[in-house]
C-alpha atoms as a PDB file:
ATOM      1  CA  MET A   1      71.995 113.383  91.205  1.00  0.00           C
ATOM      2  CA  LYS A   2      70.285 111.468  94.037  1.00  0.00           C
ATOM      3  CA  SER A   3      71.447 107.919  94.690  1.00  0.00           C
ATOM      4  CA  HIS A   4      68.074 106.381  93.866  1.00  0.00           C
ATOM      5  CA  GLU A   5      67.971 108.216  90.527  1.00  0.00           C
ATOM      6  CA  PHE A   6      71.408 106.909  89.585  1.00  0.00           C
ATOM      7  CA  ALA A   7      70.400 103.422  90.711  1.00  0.00           C
ATOM      8  CA  SER A   8      67.465 103.657  88.305  1.00  0.00           C
ATOM      9  CA  LEU A   9      69.839 104.546  85.457  1.00  0.00           C
ATOM     10  CA  LEU A  10      72.042 101.546  86.213  1.00  0.00           C
ATOM     11  CA  CYS A  11      69.024  99.238  86.441  1.00  0.00           C
ATOM     12  CA  SER A  12      67.810 100.456  83.060  1.00  0.00           C
ATOM     13  CA  ARG A  13      71.237  99.747  81.570  1.00  0.00           C
ATOM     14  CA  LEU A  14      71.304  96.269  83.118  1.00  0.00           C
ATOM     15  CA  CYS A  15      67.824  95.438  81.814  1.00  0.00           C
ATOM     16  CA  HIS A  16      68.775  96.639  78.328  1.00  0.00           C
ATOM     17  CA  ASP A  17      71.907  94.478  78.182  1.00  0.00           C
ATOM     18  CA  LEU A  18      70.261  91.375  79.656  1.00  0.00           C
ATOM     19  CA  LEU A  19      67.130  91.579  77.518  1.00  0.00           C
ATOM     20  CA  SER A  20      68.711  89.840  74.513  1.00  0.00           C
ATOM     21  CA  PRO A  21      70.154  86.693  76.188  1.00  0.00           C
ATOM     22  CA  VAL A  22      67.196  86.305  78.564  1.00  0.00           C
ATOM     23  CA  GLY A  23      64.772  86.772  75.661  1.00  0.00           C
ATOM     24  CA  ALA A  24      66.665  84.125  73.719  1.00  0.00           C
ATOM     25  CA  LEU A  25      66.266  81.757  76.676  1.00  0.00           C
ATOM     26  CA  ASN A  26      62.524  82.338  76.709  1.00  0.00           C
ATOM     27  CA  ASN A  27      62.223  81.816  72.943  1.00  0.00           C
ATOM     28  CA  GLY A  28      64.352  78.662  73.113  1.00  0.00           C
ATOM     29  CA  ILE A  29      62.167  77.158  75.826  1.00  0.00           C
ATOM     30  CA  GLU A  30      59.036  77.877  73.780  1.00  0.00           C
ATOM     31  CA  LEU A  31      60.588  76.274  70.684  1.00  0.00           C
ATOM     32  CA  LEU A  32      61.727  73.264  72.684  1.00  0.00           C
ATOM     33  CA  SER A  33      58.223  72.658  74.033  1.00  0.00           C
ATOM     34  CA  ASP A  34      56.780  72.580  70.485  1.00  0.00           C
ATOM     35  CA  GLU A  35      59.631  70.712  68.756  1.00  0.00           C
ATOM     36  CA  HIS A  36      59.625  66.904  68.466  1.00  0.00           C
ATOM     37  CA  ASP A  37      62.430  66.310  65.983  1.00  0.00           C
ATOM     38  CA  PRO A  38      65.463  64.993  67.955  1.00  0.00           C
ATOM     39  CA  GLU A  39      67.988  66.935  65.890  1.00  0.00           C
ATOM     40  CA  MET A  40      66.108  70.216  66.258  1.00  0.00           C
ATOM     41  CA  ARG A  41      65.603  69.605  69.983  1.00  0.00           C
ATOM     42  CA  ALA A  42      69.354  69.104  70.366  1.00  0.00           C
ATOM     43  CA  ARG A  43      69.951  72.383  68.527  1.00  0.00           C
ATOM     44  CA  CYS A  44      67.457  74.166  70.794  1.00  0.00           C
ATOM     45  CA  ILE A  45      69.252  72.823  73.863  1.00  0.00           C
ATOM     46  CA  ASP A  46      72.589  74.071  72.490  1.00  0.00           C
ATOM     47  CA  LEU A  47      71.101  77.536  71.948  1.00  0.00           C
ATOM     48  CA  LEU A  48      69.644  77.525  75.452  1.00  0.00           C
ATOM     49  CA  GLY A  49      73.074  76.689  76.838  1.00  0.00           C
ATOM     50  CA  GLU A  50      74.694  79.531  74.901  1.00  0.00           C
ATOM     51  CA  SER A  51      72.065  82.024  76.097  1.00  0.00           C
ATOM     52  CA  ALA A  52      72.391  80.853  79.702  1.00  0.00           C
ATOM     53  CA  ARG A  53      76.189  81.265  79.600  1.00  0.00           C
ATOM     54  CA  ALA A  54      75.873  84.726  78.045  1.00  0.00           C
ATOM     55  CA  SER A  55      73.413  85.789  80.760  1.00  0.00           C
ATOM     56  CA  ALA A  56      75.614  84.442  83.571  1.00  0.00           C
ATOM     57  CA  ASN A  57      78.754  86.065  82.133  1.00  0.00           C
ATOM     58  CA  LYS A  58      77.056  89.451  81.814  1.00  0.00           C
ATOM     59  CA  LEU A  59      75.791  89.230  85.385  1.00  0.00           C
ATOM     60  CA  LYS A  60      79.311  88.423  86.649  1.00  0.00           C
ATOM     61  CA  PHE A  61      80.698  91.422  84.775  1.00  0.00           C
ATOM     62  CA  PHE A  62      77.985  93.805  85.975  1.00  0.00           C
ATOM     63  CA  ARG A  63      78.404  92.597  89.557  1.00  0.00           C
ATOM     64  CA  LEU A  64      82.021  93.768  89.481  1.00  0.00           C
ATOM     65  CA  ALA A  65      81.437  96.871  87.344  1.00  0.00           C
ATOM     66  CA  PHE A  66      78.359  98.210  89.140  1.00  0.00           C
ATOM     67  CA  GLY A  67      77.887  96.230  92.344  1.00  0.00           C
ATOM     68  CA  ALA A  68      79.699  95.403  95.556  1.00  0.00           C
ATOM     69  CA  ALA A  69      81.569  92.314  94.345  1.00  0.00           C
ATOM     70  CA  GLY A  70      85.074  91.621  95.589  1.00  0.00           C
ATOM     71  CA  GLY A  71      84.278  91.037  99.249  1.00  0.00           C
ATOM     72  CA  PHE A  72      85.070  93.451 102.064  1.00  0.00           C
ATOM     73  CA  ALA A  73      88.740  94.013 101.228  1.00  0.00           C
ATOM     74  CA  ASP A  74      89.862  97.403  99.913  1.00  0.00           C
ATOM     75  CA  GLU A  75      91.822  95.746  97.084  1.00  0.00           C
ATOM     76  CA  VAL A  76      90.422  93.343  94.480  1.00  0.00           C
ATOM     77  CA  ASP A  77      92.340  90.714  92.490  1.00  0.00           C
ATOM     78  CA  THR A  78      92.708  92.033  88.925  1.00  0.00           C
ATOM     79  CA  ARG A  79      92.380  88.465  87.617  1.00  0.00           C
ATOM     80  CA  GLU A  80      88.682  88.710  88.490  1.00  0.00           C
ATOM     81  CA  ALA A  81      88.389  91.662  86.129  1.00  0.00           C
ATOM     82  CA  ARG A  82      90.113  89.798  83.297  1.00  0.00           C
ATOM     83  CA  VAL A  83      87.865  86.753  83.693  1.00  0.00           C
ATOM     84  CA  ALA A  84      84.779  88.989  83.764  1.00  0.00           C
ATOM     85  CA  ILE A  85      85.862  90.829  80.596  1.00  0.00           C
ATOM     86  CA  GLU A  86      86.643  87.600  78.746  1.00  0.00           C
ATOM     87  CA  GLY A  87      83.226  86.270  79.726  1.00  0.00           C
ATOM     88  CA  LEU A  88      81.514  89.439  78.544  1.00  0.00           C
ATOM     89  CA  PHE A  89      83.087  89.134  75.098  1.00  0.00           C
ATOM     90  CA  GLY A  90      82.267  85.441  74.862  1.00  0.00           C
ATOM     91  CA  GLY A  91      84.043  82.971  72.638  1.00  0.00           C
ATOM     92  CA  GLU A  92      82.840  84.133  69.234  1.00  0.00           C
ATOM     93  CA  GLY A  93      85.991  86.190  68.637  1.00  0.00           C
ATOM     94  CA  ARG A  94      84.227  89.408  67.679  1.00  0.00           C
ATOM     95  CA  ILE A  95      86.547  91.334  70.009  1.00  0.00           C
ATOM     96  CA  GLN A  96      90.134  90.319  70.721  1.00  0.00           C
ATOM     97  CA  LEU A  97      91.424  91.238  74.166  1.00  0.00           C
ATOM     98  CA  GLY A  98      94.908  92.457  74.951  1.00  0.00           C
ATOM     99  CA  TRP A  99      95.616  92.453  78.707  1.00  0.00           C
ATOM    100  CA  ILE A 100      98.471  94.707  79.831  1.00  0.00           C
ATOM    101  CA  VAL A 101      97.781  94.827  83.556  1.00  0.00           C
ATOM    102  CA  ASP A 102     100.689  93.655  85.711  1.00  0.00           C
ATOM    103  CA  GLU A 103      99.235  94.875  88.991  1.00  0.00           C
ATOM    104  CA  PRO A 104      97.937  91.889  91.033  1.00  0.00           C
ATOM    105  CA  THR A 105      95.355  93.991  92.883  1.00  0.00           C
ATOM    106  CA  MET A 106      93.470  97.231  92.429  1.00  0.00           C
ATOM    107  CA  SER A 107      91.133  99.302  94.565  1.00  0.00           C
ATOM    108  CA  LYS A 108      87.412  98.660  94.079  1.00  0.00           C
ATOM    109  CA  ALA A 109      86.924 102.181  92.699  1.00  0.00           C
ATOM    110  CA  ALA A 110      89.775 101.775  90.207  1.00  0.00           C
ATOM    111  CA  LEU A 111      88.492  98.353  89.136  1.00  0.00           C
ATOM    112  CA  LYS A 112      85.051  99.819  88.489  1.00  0.00           C
ATOM    113  CA  VAL A 113      86.608 102.584  86.397  1.00  0.00           C
ATOM    114  CA  LEU A 114      88.559 100.022  84.356  1.00  0.00           C
ATOM    115  CA  LEU A 115      85.555  97.742  83.781  1.00  0.00           C
ATOM    116  CA  ASN A 116      83.184 100.541  82.835  1.00  0.00           C
ATOM    117  CA  LEU A 117      85.722 102.000  80.405  1.00  0.00           C
ATOM    118  CA  VAL A 118      86.030  98.539  78.847  1.00  0.00           C
ATOM    119  CA  LEU A 119      82.231  98.406  78.534  1.00  0.00           C
ATOM    120  CA  ILE A 120      82.139 101.804  76.830  1.00  0.00           C
ATOM    121  CA  ALA A 121      85.004 101.014  74.445  1.00  0.00           C
ATOM    122  CA  SER A 122      83.645  97.580  73.515  1.00  0.00           C
ATOM    123  CA  ASP A 123      80.230  99.078  72.747  1.00  0.00           C
ATOM    124  CA  ALA A 124      81.996 101.526  70.420  1.00  0.00           C
ATOM    125  CA  LEU A 125      83.470  98.610  68.413  1.00  0.00           C
ATOM    126  CA  VAL A 126      80.261  98.140  66.430  1.00  0.00           C
ATOM    127  CA  ARG A 127      81.911  95.757  63.938  1.00  0.00           C
ATOM    128  CA  GLY A 128      84.310  94.154  66.362  1.00  0.00           C
ATOM    129  CA  GLY A 129      88.055  94.617  66.564  1.00  0.00           C
ATOM    130  CA  ARG A 130      90.718  94.651  69.257  1.00  0.00           C
ATOM    131  CA  LEU A 131      90.600  96.024  72.759  1.00  0.00           C
ATOM    132  CA  ASP A 132      93.800  96.565  74.743  1.00  0.00           C
ATOM    133  CA  VAL A 133      93.444  97.118  78.483  1.00  0.00           C
ATOM    134  CA  GLY A 134      96.362  98.604  80.379  1.00  0.00           C
ATOM    135  CA  ALA A 135      96.903  99.752  83.962  1.00  0.00           C
ATOM    136  CA  GLU A 136     100.031 100.781  85.834  1.00  0.00           C
ATOM    137  CA  LYS A 137     100.586 102.049  89.341  1.00  0.00           C
ATOM    138  CA  HIS A 138     103.019 104.872  89.965  1.00  0.00           C
ATOM    139  CA  GLY A 139     104.079 106.963  92.919  1.00  0.00           C
ATOM    140  CA  ASP A 140     101.073 109.253  92.670  1.00  0.00           C
ATOM    141  CA  GLY A 141      98.388 106.709  91.884  1.00  0.00           C
ATOM    142  CA  LEU A 142      97.176 104.619  88.967  1.00  0.00           C
ATOM    143  CA  ASP A 143      96.890 105.165  85.214  1.00  0.00           C
ATOM    144  CA  ILE A 144      94.327 103.205  83.198  1.00  0.00           C
ATOM    145  CA  VAL A 145      94.335 103.175  79.402  1.00  0.00           C
ATOM    146  CA  ILE A 146      91.808 101.486  77.115  1.00  0.00           C
ATOM    147  CA  ARG A 147      92.644 101.300  73.403  1.00  0.00           C
ATOM    148  CA  ALA A 148      89.996 100.186  70.902  1.00  0.00           C
ATOM    149  CA  GLU A 149      90.827  99.511  67.272  1.00  0.00           C
ATOM    150  CA  GLY A 150      88.451  98.278  64.593  1.00  0.00           C
ATOM    151  CA  PRO A 151      86.953  98.858  61.133  1.00  0.00           C
ATOM    152  CA  ARG A 152      84.210 101.090  62.547  1.00  0.00           C
ATOM    153  CA  ILE A 153      84.185 102.868  65.886  1.00  0.00           C
ATOM    154  CA  VAL A 154      81.209 104.887  67.081  1.00  0.00           C
ATOM    155  CA  LEU A 155      81.403 106.601  70.469  1.00  0.00           C
ATOM    156  CA  ASP A 156      78.051 108.056  71.474  1.00  0.00           C
ATOM    157  CA  PRO A 157      78.532 111.837  71.968  1.00  0.00           C
ATOM    158  CA  GLU A 158      76.436 111.627  75.147  1.00  0.00           C
ATOM    159  CA  LEU A 159      78.905 109.135  76.618  1.00  0.00           C
ATOM    160  CA  LYS A 160      81.835 111.358  75.735  1.00  0.00           C
ATOM    161  CA  LYS A 161      80.155 114.340  77.420  1.00  0.00           C
ATOM    162  CA  ALA A 162      79.349 112.273  80.498  1.00  0.00           C
ATOM    163  CA  LEU A 163      82.935 111.026  80.785  1.00  0.00           C
ATOM    164  CA  SER A 164      84.274 114.568  80.693  1.00  0.00           C
ATOM    165  CA  GLY A 165      81.601 115.881  83.051  1.00  0.00           C
ATOM    166  CA  GLU A 166      80.121 118.205  80.434  1.00  0.00           C
ATOM    167  CA  SER A 167      76.647 116.703  80.879  1.00  0.00           C
ATOM    168  CA  SER A 168      74.435 117.940  83.668  1.00  0.00           C
ATOM    169  CA  GLU A 169      72.992 115.374  86.045  1.00  0.00           C
ATOM    170  CA  GLU A 170      69.529 115.962  84.610  1.00  0.00           C
ATOM    171  CA  GLN A 171      70.751 115.070  81.101  1.00  0.00           C
ATOM    172  CA  ILE A 172      72.175 111.641  81.918  1.00  0.00           C
ATOM    173  CA  ALA A 173      70.346 108.862  80.056  1.00  0.00           C
ATOM    174  CA  PRO A 174      70.518 105.138  80.948  1.00  0.00           C
ATOM    175  CA  ARG A 175      72.913 104.470  78.054  1.00  0.00           C
ATOM    176  CA  ALA A 176      75.384 106.923  79.654  1.00  0.00           C
ATOM    177  CA  ALA A 177      75.182 105.417  83.146  1.00  0.00           C
ATOM    178  CA  ALA A 178      78.572 103.679  82.868  1.00  0.00           C
ATOM    179  CA  ALA A 179      80.246 106.865  81.608  1.00  0.00           C
ATOM    180  CA  TRP A 180      78.721 108.943  84.399  1.00  0.00           C
ATOM    181  CA  LEU A 181      79.841 106.382  86.994  1.00  0.00           C
ATOM    182  CA  VAL A 182      83.415 106.663  85.666  1.00  0.00           C
ATOM    183  CA  HIS A 183      83.243 110.458  85.827  1.00  0.00           C
ATOM    184  CA  CYS A 184      81.947 110.384  89.419  1.00  0.00           C
ATOM    185  CA  LEU A 185      84.524 107.860  90.660  1.00  0.00           C
ATOM    186  CA  VAL A 186      87.444 109.669  89.006  1.00  0.00           C
ATOM    187  CA  SER A 187      86.235 113.099  90.154  1.00  0.00           C
ATOM    188  CA  GLU A 188      85.875 111.891  93.743  1.00  0.00           C
ATOM    189  CA  GLY A 189      89.519 110.838  93.629  1.00  0.00           C
ATOM    190  CA  GLN A 190      90.601 114.185  92.135  1.00  0.00           C
ATOM    191  CA  GLY A 191      91.592 112.384  88.947  1.00  0.00           C
ATOM    192  CA  GLU A 192      91.065 113.022  85.251  1.00  0.00           C
ATOM    193  CA  VAL A 193      89.514 111.255  82.254  1.00  0.00           C
ATOM    194  CA  GLN A 194      90.735 111.853  78.697  1.00  0.00           C
ATOM    195  CA  VAL A 195      89.108 110.689  75.463  1.00  0.00           C
ATOM    196  CA  MET A 196      90.830 110.686  72.066  1.00  0.00           C
ATOM    197  CA  ASP A 197      88.678 109.588  69.128  1.00  0.00           C
ATOM    198  CA  ASN A 198      89.857 111.885  66.350  1.00  0.00           C
ATOM    199  CA  GLU A 199      91.753 109.124  64.511  1.00  0.00           C
ATOM    200  CA  GLU A 200      89.658 106.878  62.265  1.00  0.00           C
ATOM    201  CA  GLY A 201      89.451 103.304  63.506  1.00  0.00           C
ATOM    202  CA  MET A 202      90.988 104.160  66.870  1.00  0.00           C
ATOM    203  CA  LEU A 203      89.672 105.144  70.283  1.00  0.00           C
ATOM    204  CA  LEU A 204      91.766 105.888  73.370  1.00  0.00           C
ATOM    205  CA  ILE A 205      90.308 106.462  76.815  1.00  0.00           C
ATOM    206  CA  GLY A 206      92.569 107.176  79.750  1.00  0.00           C
ATOM    207  CA  ALA A 207      91.894 107.705  83.418  1.00  0.00           C
ATOM    208  CA  SER A 208      94.392 108.994  85.961  1.00  0.00           C
ATOM    209  CA  LEU A 209      93.604 108.185  89.589  1.00  0.00           C
ATOM    210  CA  PRO A 210      95.811 109.783  92.263  1.00  0.00           C
ATOM    211  CA  ALA A 211      96.733 107.744  95.313  1.00  0.00           C
END
């Protein structure tokens, strides 16, 4: 797949995920301009604030997951990833986060793999639940494990195929852009991605990245 084609896939994914909070901002501004009741205006302002925070948090996450965030250093502080994930989930408590990452830093490629796997697993938690994120360095590289648990888990078959590399480049749709990015990054490092979703209410995704 050519770089500009993959960039188009990522842009489509970004636009899809930002459409809701940005649309809410637009609707809130329109309501505010027509509303004269002080109580309702205060409620509109609260909703605008929530939508603005959601938009900013998603942009911070996508900057790390898809972009060149983290500066020019080869290693990135893993605390940035945790803050970005917590911002993505927001404060409504739909998804509880378990953070089992003791490593203080991680390569940019590994961090992108971790964040995109989190994005895929959280999307699969259609009714919310718990997401545990683990990563551990060893002599031969780094192991990343994402465990999702909830009342209903739906992993798009196209994402599963993209993660494993079973999809051809021509078949990749915008919704599978994150999965394809994981596959490409792990393959470039001669690593491996494993998906286990045969247990009801449970999804495990692991990535092994050699040094």
